[in-house]
């Protein structure tokens, strides 16, 4: 009975947010509101362009539209709550809402990680098996791979949440962040969390590092193949793969910094978190549209 009471003591968490300065809060509210609207506009434009333009009904653009949907979903999990917090004096989130935010955050982020791996595989097939590309990457395979990416994100998130909710929370309840995330939340547990942290790092950090290394090696092989064996359409192929390498790097590197280390607090943690939760979803459509002639023509 005592253990049960401990686990139900904390009913909400206090989010310290990005800053305690009222002037800076108002400035950040304006900046991040523009970023959030730009994220929606850019990614929604990609989705509509892929749906309406028949020339973009290919596996590559189908995957790109799914990435745009994930970007919108990813930013929507944390940014609206952050914007409300920038206008409020006391920033609180209920325990259940906090758990749900963590679940959807890792669900969507996990799906993005696996989708980026699928996009790398798509480019590998396109470069190494150009004549069999449409046969190999048919619509059934594409939809199956996207579904597998979402399933992988779901399993990853369920593991994170299951390890968190079984911990007792009896205070304190202050999170030094602008959204609920595993590293900060488990530090508030009223028990030793060493083994849980180790499992979290293995689940998030190690998995992210392994996939990142595999993707970088894969794109290196693809780029070498393009430069040496692709006489036609070389510039387009290099541009597409270059865009994907940039997107992979700006997504994985902050995640590795946050999750592939012991859960200690560093002064730049909030800035890094803001980078991959707020800024990266806005940059992805810009990177792809600026480097892709077909997408730019479709949007025009």
C-alpha atoms as a PDB file:
ATOM      1  CA  UNK A   1       0.000   0.000   0.000  1.00  0.00           C
ATOM      2  CA  UNK A   2       2.848   2.352   0.767  1.00  0.00           C
ATOM      3  CA  UNK A   3       4.425   1.753  -2.639  1.00  0.00           C
ATOM      4  CA  UNK A   4       1.063   2.392  -4.323  1.00  0.00           C
ATOM      5  CA  UNK A   5       0.693   5.716  -2.505  1.00  0.00           C
ATOM      6  CA  UNK A   6       4.176   6.754  -3.601  1.00  0.00           C
ATOM      7  CA  UNK A   7       3.407   6.117  -7.254  1.00  0.00           C
ATOM      8  CA  UNK A   8       0.276   8.279  -7.159  1.00  0.00           C
ATOM      9  CA  UNK A   9       1.618  11.222  -5.139  1.00  0.00           C
ATOM     10  CA  UNK A  10       2.719  13.341  -8.085  1.00  0.00           C
ATOM     11  CA  UNK A  11      -0.308  14.450 -10.126  1.00  0.00           C
ATOM     12  CA  UNK A  12       1.392  17.090 -12.266  1.00  0.00           C
ATOM     13  CA  UNK A  13       4.803  18.435 -13.233  1.00  0.00           C
ATOM     14  CA  UNK A  14       6.048  22.010 -13.380  1.00  0.00           C
ATOM     15  CA  UNK A  15       7.891  22.867 -16.605  1.00  0.00           C
ATOM     16  CA  UNK A  16      10.545  25.550 -16.183  1.00  0.00           C
ATOM     17  CA  UNK A  17      10.510  26.225 -19.920  1.00  0.00           C
ATOM     18  CA  UNK A  18      13.266  27.770 -21.989  1.00  0.00           C
ATOM     19  CA  UNK A  19      13.776  30.916 -19.904  1.00  0.00           C
ATOM     20  CA  UNK A  20      12.413  32.766 -16.898  1.00  0.00           C
ATOM     21  CA  UNK A  21      12.810  36.223 -18.486  1.00  0.00           C
ATOM     22  CA  UNK A  22       9.382  37.705 -19.463  1.00  0.00           C
ATOM     23  CA  UNK A  23      10.926  39.815 -22.242  1.00  0.00           C
ATOM     24  CA  UNK A  24      12.775  36.850 -23.722  1.00  0.00           C
ATOM     25  CA  UNK A  25       9.666  34.690 -23.381  1.00  0.00           C
ATOM     26  CA  UNK A  26       7.652  37.117 -25.517  1.00  0.00           C
ATOM     27  CA  UNK A  27      10.418  37.242 -28.106  1.00  0.00           C
ATOM     28  CA  UNK A  28      10.700  33.443 -28.230  1.00  0.00           C
ATOM     29  CA  UNK A  29       6.919  33.145 -28.522  1.00  0.00           C
ATOM     30  CA  UNK A  30       6.977  35.247 -31.698  1.00  0.00           C
ATOM     31  CA  UNK A  31       9.987  33.416 -33.142  1.00  0.00           C
ATOM     32  CA  UNK A  32       8.729  29.901 -32.439  1.00  0.00           C
ATOM     33  CA  UNK A  33       5.199  30.755 -33.585  1.00  0.00           C
ATOM     34  CA  UNK A  34       6.661  31.738 -36.958  1.00  0.00           C
ATOM     35  CA  UNK A  35       8.792  28.572 -37.000  1.00  0.00           C
ATOM     36  CA  UNK A  36       5.767  26.385 -36.189  1.00  0.00           C
ATOM     37  CA  UNK A  37       3.603  27.997 -38.869  1.00  0.00           C
ATOM     38  CA  UNK A  38       6.459  27.639 -41.374  1.00  0.00           C
ATOM     39  CA  UNK A  39       6.808  23.982 -40.429  1.00  0.00           C
ATOM     40  CA  UNK A  40       3.128  23.373 -41.112  1.00  0.00           C
ATOM     41  CA  UNK A  41       3.167  25.378 -44.350  1.00  0.00           C
ATOM     42  CA  UNK A  42       6.330  23.772 -45.749  1.00  0.00           C
ATOM     43  CA  UNK A  43       5.486  20.181 -44.914  1.00  0.00           C
ATOM     44  CA  UNK A  44       1.802  20.492 -45.817  1.00  0.00           C
ATOM     45  CA  UNK A  45       2.832  21.946 -49.191  1.00  0.00           C
ATOM     46  CA  UNK A  46       5.033  18.904 -49.828  1.00  0.00           C
ATOM     47  CA  UNK A  47       2.194  16.515 -48.952  1.00  0.00           C
ATOM     48  CA  UNK A  48      -0.318  18.297 -51.196  1.00  0.00           C
ATOM     49  CA  UNK A  49       2.202  18.544 -54.054  1.00  0.00           C
ATOM     50  CA  UNK A  50       2.958  14.815 -53.915  1.00  0.00           C
ATOM     51  CA  UNK A  51      -0.753  13.938 -53.812  1.00  0.00           C
ATOM     52  CA  UNK A  52      -1.837  16.239 -56.660  1.00  0.00           C
ATOM     53  CA  UNK A  53       1.114  16.032 -59.082  1.00  0.00           C
ATOM     54  CA  UNK A  54       1.146  12.701 -60.923  1.00  0.00           C
ATOM     55  CA  UNK A  55       4.825  13.116 -61.805  1.00  0.00           C
ATOM     56  CA  UNK A  56       5.590  12.814 -58.099  1.00  0.00           C
ATOM     57  CA  UNK A  57       3.724   9.494 -57.715  1.00  0.00           C
ATOM     58  CA  UNK A  58       6.983   7.593 -57.218  1.00  0.00           C
ATOM     59  CA  UNK A  59       8.394   5.703 -54.221  1.00  0.00           C
ATOM     60  CA  UNK A  60      10.880   8.462 -53.381  1.00  0.00           C
ATOM     61  CA  UNK A  61       8.233  11.187 -53.156  1.00  0.00           C
ATOM     62  CA  UNK A  62       5.803   8.866 -51.379  1.00  0.00           C
ATOM     63  CA  UNK A  63       8.440   8.437 -48.655  1.00  0.00           C
ATOM     64  CA  UNK A  64       9.142  12.174 -48.673  1.00  0.00           C
ATOM     65  CA  UNK A  65       5.441  12.924 -48.120  1.00  0.00           C
ATOM     66  CA  UNK A  66       5.443  10.513 -45.176  1.00  0.00           C
ATOM     67  CA  UNK A  67       8.489  12.283 -43.750  1.00  0.00           C
ATOM     68  CA  UNK A  68       6.646  15.600 -44.087  1.00  0.00           C
ATOM     69  CA  UNK A  69       3.675  14.142 -42.194  1.00  0.00           C
ATOM     70  CA  UNK A  70       6.023  12.937 -39.447  1.00  0.00           C
ATOM     71  CA  UNK A  71       7.623  16.405 -39.240  1.00  0.00           C
ATOM     72  CA  UNK A  72       4.207  18.012 -38.705  1.00  0.00           C
ATOM     73  CA  UNK A  73       3.284  15.424 -36.087  1.00  0.00           C
ATOM     74  CA  UNK A  74       6.649  15.684 -34.347  1.00  0.00           C
ATOM     75  CA  UNK A  75       6.488  19.444 -33.914  1.00  0.00           C
ATOM     76  CA  UNK A  76       2.819  19.327 -32.862  1.00  0.00           C
ATOM     77  CA  UNK A  77       3.615  17.049 -29.911  1.00  0.00           C
ATOM     78  CA  UNK A  78       5.771  19.638 -28.121  1.00  0.00           C
ATOM     79  CA  UNK A  79       5.583  23.092 -29.752  1.00  0.00           C
ATOM     80  CA  UNK A  80       1.955  24.109 -28.913  1.00  0.00           C
ATOM     81  CA  UNK A  81       2.538  23.288 -25.239  1.00  0.00           C
ATOM     82  CA  UNK A  82       5.787  25.239 -25.330  1.00  0.00           C
ATOM     83  CA  UNK A  83       4.067  28.265 -26.891  1.00  0.00           C
ATOM     84  CA  UNK A  84       1.372  28.197 -24.206  1.00  0.00           C
ATOM     85  CA  UNK A  85       4.088  27.997 -21.573  1.00  0.00           C
ATOM     86  CA  UNK A  86       5.803  31.084 -22.959  1.00  0.00           C
ATOM     87  CA  UNK A  87       2.586  33.042 -22.303  1.00  0.00           C
ATOM     88  CA  UNK A  88       1.889  31.571 -18.853  1.00  0.00           C
ATOM     89  CA  UNK A  89       3.369  32.405 -15.483  1.00  0.00           C
ATOM     90  CA  UNK A  90       3.024  28.872 -14.140  1.00  0.00           C
ATOM     91  CA  UNK A  91       3.736  26.109 -16.619  1.00  0.00           C
ATOM     92  CA  UNK A  92       2.265  22.802 -15.502  1.00  0.00           C
ATOM     93  CA  UNK A  93       1.404  19.529 -17.170  1.00  0.00           C
ATOM     94  CA  UNK A  94      -0.576  16.694 -15.615  1.00  0.00           C
ATOM     95  CA  UNK A  95       1.110  13.351 -14.985  1.00  0.00           C
ATOM     96  CA  UNK A  96      -1.082  11.565 -17.545  1.00  0.00           C
ATOM     97  CA  UNK A  97      -0.556  14.295 -20.151  1.00  0.00           C
ATOM     98  CA  UNK A  98       3.180  14.103 -19.521  1.00  0.00           C
ATOM     99  CA  UNK A  99       3.199  10.352 -20.127  1.00  0.00           C
ATOM    100  CA  UNK A 100       1.126  10.775 -23.298  1.00  0.00           C
ATOM    101  CA  UNK A 101       3.489  13.475 -24.553  1.00  0.00           C
ATOM    102  CA  UNK A 102       6.478  11.189 -23.983  1.00  0.00           C
ATOM    103  CA  UNK A 103       4.703   8.317 -25.734  1.00  0.00           C
ATOM    104  CA  UNK A 104       3.808  10.280 -28.872  1.00  0.00           C
ATOM    105  CA  UNK A 105       7.164  12.069 -28.926  1.00  0.00           C
ATOM    106  CA  UNK A 106       9.140   8.811 -28.976  1.00  0.00           C
ATOM    107  CA  UNK A 107       6.554   7.080 -31.177  1.00  0.00           C
ATOM    108  CA  UNK A 108       6.883   9.716 -33.897  1.00  0.00           C
ATOM    109  CA  UNK A 109      10.640  10.229 -33.456  1.00  0.00           C
ATOM    110  CA  UNK A 110      11.206   6.479 -33.624  1.00  0.00           C
ATOM    111  CA  UNK A 111       9.107   6.240 -36.774  1.00  0.00           C
ATOM    112  CA  UNK A 112      11.213   9.037 -38.299  1.00  0.00           C
ATOM    113  CA  UNK A 113      14.457   7.209 -37.524  1.00  0.00           C
ATOM    114  CA  UNK A 114      13.239   4.049 -39.233  1.00  0.00           C
ATOM    115  CA  UNK A 115      11.722   6.000 -42.145  1.00  0.00           C
ATOM    116  CA  UNK A 116      15.071   7.695 -42.791  1.00  0.00           C
ATOM    117  CA  UNK A 117      16.593   4.218 -42.966  1.00  0.00           C
ATOM    118  CA  UNK A 118      13.896   3.218 -45.480  1.00  0.00           C
ATOM    119  CA  UNK A 119      14.643   6.322 -47.560  1.00  0.00           C
ATOM    120  CA  UNK A 120      18.335   5.374 -47.617  1.00  0.00           C
ATOM    121  CA  UNK A 121      17.408   1.869 -48.790  1.00  0.00           C
ATOM    122  CA  UNK A 122      15.208   3.407 -51.496  1.00  0.00           C
ATOM    123  CA  UNK A 123      18.112   5.472 -52.832  1.00  0.00           C
ATOM    124  CA  UNK A 124      20.418   2.446 -52.676  1.00  0.00           C
ATOM    125  CA  UNK A 125      18.040   0.410 -54.846  1.00  0.00           C
ATOM    126  CA  UNK A 126      17.514   3.356 -57.237  1.00  0.00           C
ATOM    127  CA  UNK A 127      21.265   3.728 -57.811  1.00  0.00           C
ATOM    128  CA  UNK A 128      22.375   0.085 -57.768  1.00  0.00           C
ATOM    129  CA  UNK A 129      19.314  -1.501 -59.430  1.00  0.00           C
ATOM    130  CA  UNK A 130      17.871   1.247 -61.669  1.00  0.00           C
ATOM    131  CA  UNK A 131      16.206  -1.136 -64.140  1.00  0.00           C
ATOM    132  CA  UNK A 132      14.516  -3.159 -61.398  1.00  0.00           C
ATOM    133  CA  UNK A 133      13.819  -0.174 -59.145  1.00  0.00           C
ATOM    134  CA  UNK A 134      10.069   0.144 -59.720  1.00  0.00           C
ATOM    135  CA  UNK A 135       9.664  -3.618 -59.501  1.00  0.00           C
ATOM    136  CA  UNK A 136      11.535  -3.872 -56.208  1.00  0.00           C
ATOM    137  CA  UNK A 137      10.120  -0.676 -54.675  1.00  0.00           C
ATOM    138  CA  UNK A 138       6.513  -1.262 -55.729  1.00  0.00           C
ATOM    139  CA  UNK A 139       3.596   0.304 -53.861  1.00  0.00           C
ATOM    140  CA  UNK A 140       3.020  -2.743 -51.710  1.00  0.00           C
ATOM    141  CA  UNK A 141       6.650  -2.765 -50.584  1.00  0.00           C
ATOM    142  CA  UNK A 142       6.637   0.999 -49.965  1.00  0.00           C
ATOM    143  CA  UNK A 143       3.508   0.889 -47.823  1.00  0.00           C
ATOM    144  CA  UNK A 144       4.818  -2.151 -45.970  1.00  0.00           C
ATOM    145  CA  UNK A 145       8.108  -0.392 -45.201  1.00  0.00           C
ATOM    146  CA  UNK A 146       6.310   2.737 -43.980  1.00  0.00           C
ATOM    147  CA  UNK A 147       4.043   0.605 -41.789  1.00  0.00           C
ATOM    148  CA  UNK A 148       7.122  -1.176 -40.424  1.00  0.00           C
ATOM    149  CA  UNK A 149       8.706   2.194 -39.619  1.00  0.00           C
ATOM    150  CA  UNK A 150       5.636   3.232 -37.618  1.00  0.00           C
ATOM    151  CA  UNK A 151       5.549  -0.157 -35.893  1.00  0.00           C
ATOM    152  CA  UNK A 152       9.210   0.212 -34.961  1.00  0.00           C
ATOM    153  CA  UNK A 153       8.502   3.641 -33.502  1.00  0.00           C
ATOM    154  CA  UNK A 154       5.555   2.238 -31.554  1.00  0.00           C
ATOM    155  CA  UNK A 155       7.623  -0.582 -30.023  1.00  0.00           C
ATOM    156  CA  UNK A 156      10.425   1.830 -29.154  1.00  0.00           C
ATOM    157  CA  UNK A 157       7.996   4.218 -27.467  1.00  0.00           C
ATOM    158  CA  UNK A 158       6.140   1.523 -25.562  1.00  0.00           C
ATOM    159  CA  UNK A 159       9.432   0.338 -24.060  1.00  0.00           C
ATOM    160  CA  UNK A 160      10.301   3.889 -22.982  1.00  0.00           C
ATOM    161  CA  UNK A 161       6.918   4.553 -21.399  1.00  0.00           C
ATOM    162  CA  UNK A 162       6.679   1.120 -19.749  1.00  0.00           C
ATOM    163  CA  UNK A 163      10.031   1.633 -18.047  1.00  0.00           C
ATOM    164  CA  UNK A 164       8.965   5.098 -16.869  1.00  0.00           C
ATOM    165  CA  UNK A 165       5.472   4.520 -15.495  1.00  0.00           C
ATOM    166  CA  UNK A 166       6.558   1.663 -13.251  1.00  0.00           C
ATOM    167  CA  UNK A 167       8.757   4.103 -11.283  1.00  0.00           C
ATOM    168  CA  UNK A 168       7.433   5.722  -8.075  1.00  0.00           C
ATOM    169  CA  UNK A 169       7.053   9.546  -8.228  1.00  0.00           C
ATOM    170  CA  UNK A 170       6.602  11.237  -4.855  1.00  0.00           C
ATOM    171  CA  UNK A 171       8.305  14.584  -5.477  1.00  0.00           C
ATOM    172  CA  UNK A 172       9.936  16.874  -6.455  1.00  0.00           C
ATOM    173  CA  UNK A 173       7.929  17.553  -9.612  1.00  0.00           C
ATOM    174  CA  UNK A 174       9.913  20.268 -11.427  1.00  0.00           C
ATOM    175  CA  UNK A 175      11.197  19.525 -14.933  1.00  0.00           C
ATOM    176  CA  UNK A 176      13.913  21.790 -16.270  1.00  0.00           C
ATOM    177  CA  UNK A 177      12.635  21.624 -19.825  1.00  0.00           C
ATOM    178  CA  UNK A 178       9.787  22.867 -22.042  1.00  0.00           C
ATOM    179  CA  UNK A 179       8.269  19.413 -22.593  1.00  0.00           C
ATOM    180  CA  UNK A 180       8.222  16.016 -20.914  1.00  0.00           C
ATOM    181  CA  UNK A 181      11.025  13.699 -21.914  1.00  0.00           C
ATOM    182  CA  UNK A 182      12.442  10.536 -20.436  1.00  0.00           C
ATOM    183  CA  UNK A 183      15.857  11.835 -19.241  1.00  0.00           C
ATOM    184  CA  UNK A 184      14.289  14.553 -17.070  1.00  0.00           C
ATOM    185  CA  UNK A 185      11.234  12.617 -15.866  1.00  0.00           C
ATOM    186  CA  UNK A 186      13.001   9.513 -14.559  1.00  0.00           C
ATOM    187  CA  UNK A 187      15.386  11.711 -12.563  1.00  0.00           C
ATOM    188  CA  UNK A 188      12.364  12.705 -10.431  1.00  0.00           C
ATOM    189  CA  UNK A 189      11.606   9.118  -9.447  1.00  0.00           C
ATOM    190  CA  UNK A 190      11.823   8.259  -5.731  1.00  0.00           C
ATOM    191  CA  UNK A 191      14.136   5.314  -6.304  1.00  0.00           C
ATOM    192  CA  UNK A 192      17.495   4.376  -7.786  1.00  0.00           C
ATOM    193  CA  UNK A 193      17.168   4.677 -11.564  1.00  0.00           C
ATOM    194  CA  UNK A 194      20.610   3.437 -12.623  1.00  0.00           C
ATOM    195  CA  UNK A 195      19.344   0.253 -14.294  1.00  0.00           C
ATOM    196  CA  UNK A 196      16.431   2.091 -15.914  1.00  0.00           C
ATOM    197  CA  UNK A 197      18.817   4.722 -17.300  1.00  0.00           C
ATOM    198  CA  UNK A 198      21.055   1.978 -18.645  1.00  0.00           C
ATOM    199  CA  UNK A 199      18.107   0.366 -20.408  1.00  0.00           C
ATOM    200  CA  UNK A 200      16.975   3.757 -21.764  1.00  0.00           C
ATOM    201  CA  UNK A 201      20.426   4.541 -23.146  1.00  0.00           C
ATOM    202  CA  UNK A 202      20.558   1.098 -24.758  1.00  0.00           C
ATOM    203  CA  UNK A 203      17.084   1.515 -26.245  1.00  0.00           C
ATOM    204  CA  UNK A 204      17.448   5.079 -27.515  1.00  0.00           C
ATOM    205  CA  UNK A 205      21.108   6.054 -27.620  1.00  0.00           C
ATOM    206  CA  UNK A 206      22.736   2.844 -28.798  1.00  0.00           C
ATOM    207  CA  UNK A 207      20.023   2.181 -31.380  1.00  0.00           C
ATOM    208  CA  UNK A 208      20.345   5.737 -32.720  1.00  0.00           C
ATOM    209  CA  UNK A 209      24.131   5.497 -32.991  1.00  0.00           C
ATOM    210  CA  UNK A 210      24.003   2.147 -34.798  1.00  0.00           C
ATOM    211  CA  UNK A 211      21.380   3.326 -37.314  1.00  0.00           C
ATOM    212  CA  UNK A 212      23.242   6.617 -37.849  1.00  0.00           C
ATOM    213  CA  UNK A 213      26.522   4.800 -38.608  1.00  0.00           C
ATOM    214  CA  UNK A 214      24.749   2.400 -40.969  1.00  0.00           C
ATOM    215  CA  UNK A 215      23.077   5.306 -42.791  1.00  0.00           C
ATOM    216  CA  UNK A 216      26.300   7.297 -43.149  1.00  0.00           C
ATOM    217  CA  UNK A 217      28.137   4.246 -44.506  1.00  0.00           C
ATOM    218  CA  UNK A 218      25.235   3.512 -46.863  1.00  0.00           C
ATOM    219  CA  UNK A 219      25.136   7.057 -48.227  1.00  0.00           C
ATOM    220  CA  UNK A 220      28.922   7.053 -48.624  1.00  0.00           C
ATOM    221  CA  UNK A 221      28.668   3.911 -50.755  1.00  0.00           C
ATOM    222  CA  UNK A 222      25.796   5.439 -52.733  1.00  0.00           C
ATOM    223  CA  UNK A 223      27.668   8.707 -53.373  1.00  0.00           C
ATOM    224  CA  UNK A 224      30.784   6.839 -54.503  1.00  0.00           C
ATOM    225  CA  UNK A 225      28.629   4.743 -56.837  1.00  0.00           C
ATOM    226  CA  UNK A 226      27.002   7.884 -58.262  1.00  0.00           C
ATOM    227  CA  UNK A 227      30.324   9.585 -58.956  1.00  0.00           C
ATOM    228  CA  UNK A 228      31.925   6.579 -60.621  1.00  0.00           C
ATOM    229  CA  UNK A 229      29.140   4.614 -62.323  1.00  0.00           C
ATOM    230  CA  UNK A 230      26.197   6.925 -63.024  1.00  0.00           C
ATOM    231  CA  UNK A 231      26.760   8.814 -66.299  1.00  0.00           C
ATOM    232  CA  UNK A 232      23.249  10.274 -66.650  1.00  0.00           C
ATOM    233  CA  UNK A 233      21.281  12.200 -64.058  1.00  0.00           C
ATOM    234  CA  UNK A 234      24.349  12.400 -61.834  1.00  0.00           C
ATOM    235  CA  UNK A 235      23.597  15.904 -60.571  1.00  0.00           C
ATOM    236  CA  UNK A 236      20.007  15.033 -59.647  1.00  0.00           C
ATOM    237  CA  UNK A 237      21.076  11.854 -57.834  1.00  0.00           C
ATOM    238  CA  UNK A 238      23.835  13.669 -55.960  1.00  0.00           C
ATOM    239  CA  UNK A 239      21.433  16.455 -54.986  1.00  0.00           C
ATOM    240  CA  UNK A 240      18.802  14.022 -53.688  1.00  0.00           C
ATOM    241  CA  UNK A 241      21.270  11.952 -51.687  1.00  0.00           C
ATOM    242  CA  UNK A 242      23.030  15.068 -50.428  1.00  0.00           C
ATOM    243  CA  UNK A 243      19.722  16.402 -49.113  1.00  0.00           C
ATOM    244  CA  UNK A 244      19.032  13.129 -47.322  1.00  0.00           C
ATOM    245  CA  UNK A 245      22.510  13.106 -45.749  1.00  0.00           C
ATOM    246  CA  UNK A 246      21.899  16.623 -44.387  1.00  0.00           C
ATOM    247  CA  UNK A 247      18.483  15.645 -42.983  1.00  0.00           C
ATOM    248  CA  UNK A 248      19.917  12.484 -41.390  1.00  0.00           C
ATOM    249  CA  UNK A 249      22.746  14.454 -39.787  1.00  0.00           C
ATOM    250  CA  UNK A 250      20.640  17.266 -38.309  1.00  0.00           C
ATOM    251  CA  UNK A 251      18.184  14.717 -36.891  1.00  0.00           C
ATOM    252  CA  UNK A 252      20.556  12.087 -35.514  1.00  0.00           C
ATOM    253  CA  UNK A 253      23.368  14.187 -34.068  1.00  0.00           C
ATOM    254  CA  UNK A 254      21.227  16.071 -31.488  1.00  0.00           C
ATOM    255  CA  UNK A 255      19.448  12.820 -30.578  1.00  0.00           C
ATOM    256  CA  UNK A 256      22.775  11.087 -29.995  1.00  0.00           C
ATOM    257  CA  UNK A 257      23.900  13.974 -27.784  1.00  0.00           C
ATOM    258  CA  UNK A 258      20.753  13.769 -25.627  1.00  0.00           C
ATOM    259  CA  UNK A 259      20.119  10.031 -25.406  1.00  0.00           C
ATOM    260  CA  UNK A 260      23.468   8.281 -25.904  1.00  0.00           C
ATOM    261  CA  UNK A 261      24.936   9.384 -22.571  1.00  0.00           C
ATOM    262  CA  UNK A 262      24.083   9.097 -18.886  1.00  0.00           C
ATOM    263  CA  UNK A 263      21.096  11.256 -18.032  1.00  0.00           C
ATOM    264  CA  UNK A 264      22.945  14.244 -16.625  1.00  0.00           C
ATOM    265  CA  UNK A 265      22.059  17.872 -17.047  1.00  0.00           C
ATOM    266  CA  UNK A 266      24.160  20.033 -19.387  1.00  0.00           C
ATOM    267  CA  UNK A 267      23.722  23.738 -19.974  1.00  0.00           C
ATOM    268  CA  UNK A 268      23.052  23.328 -23.712  1.00  0.00           C
ATOM    269  CA  UNK A 269      20.471  20.531 -23.347  1.00  0.00           C
ATOM    270  CA  UNK A 270      17.513  22.868 -23.846  1.00  0.00           C
ATOM    271  CA  UNK A 271      19.054  24.436 -26.941  1.00  0.00           C
ATOM    272  CA  UNK A 272      19.763  21.010 -28.439  1.00  0.00           C
ATOM    273  CA  UNK A 273      16.221  19.850 -27.591  1.00  0.00           C
ATOM    274  CA  UNK A 274      14.763  22.946 -29.255  1.00  0.00           C
ATOM    275  CA  UNK A 275      16.904  22.233 -32.322  1.00  0.00           C
ATOM    276  CA  UNK A 276      15.518  18.786 -33.043  1.00  0.00           C
ATOM    277  CA  UNK A 277      11.955  19.320 -31.778  1.00  0.00           C
ATOM    278  CA  UNK A 278      11.263  22.791 -33.204  1.00  0.00           C
ATOM    279  CA  UNK A 279      13.838  23.742 -35.834  1.00  0.00           C
ATOM    280  CA  UNK A 280      14.560  20.445 -37.608  1.00  0.00           C
ATOM    281  CA  UNK A 281      10.928  19.791 -38.706  1.00  0.00           C
ATOM    282  CA  UNK A 282      10.993  23.217 -40.377  1.00  0.00           C
ATOM    283  CA  UNK A 283      14.365  22.656 -42.074  1.00  0.00           C
ATOM    284  CA  UNK A 284      13.530  19.291 -43.645  1.00  0.00           C
ATOM    285  CA  UNK A 285      11.077  20.616 -46.286  1.00  0.00           C
ATOM    286  CA  UNK A 286      13.379  23.545 -47.038  1.00  0.00           C
ATOM    287  CA  UNK A 287      16.332  21.236 -47.635  1.00  0.00           C
ATOM    288  CA  UNK A 288      14.374  18.938 -49.935  1.00  0.00           C
ATOM    289  CA  UNK A 289      12.548  21.632 -51.911  1.00  0.00           C
ATOM    290  CA  UNK A 290      15.619  23.817 -52.387  1.00  0.00           C
ATOM    291  CA  UNK A 291      17.652  20.866 -53.726  1.00  0.00           C
ATOM    292  CA  UNK A 292      14.942  19.166 -55.781  1.00  0.00           C
ATOM    293  CA  UNK A 293      13.920  20.612 -59.145  1.00  0.00           C
ATOM    294  CA  UNK A 294      10.862  18.374 -59.595  1.00  0.00           C
ATOM    295  CA  UNK A 295       9.505  19.355 -56.178  1.00  0.00           C
ATOM    296  CA  UNK A 296      10.089  23.062 -56.839  1.00  0.00           C
ATOM    297  CA  UNK A 297       8.304  22.811 -60.184  1.00  0.00           C
ATOM    298  CA  UNK A 298       5.380  20.956 -58.609  1.00  0.00           C
ATOM    299  CA  UNK A 299       5.029  23.591 -55.891  1.00  0.00           C
ATOM    300  CA  UNK A 300       5.141  26.399 -58.454  1.00  0.00           C
END
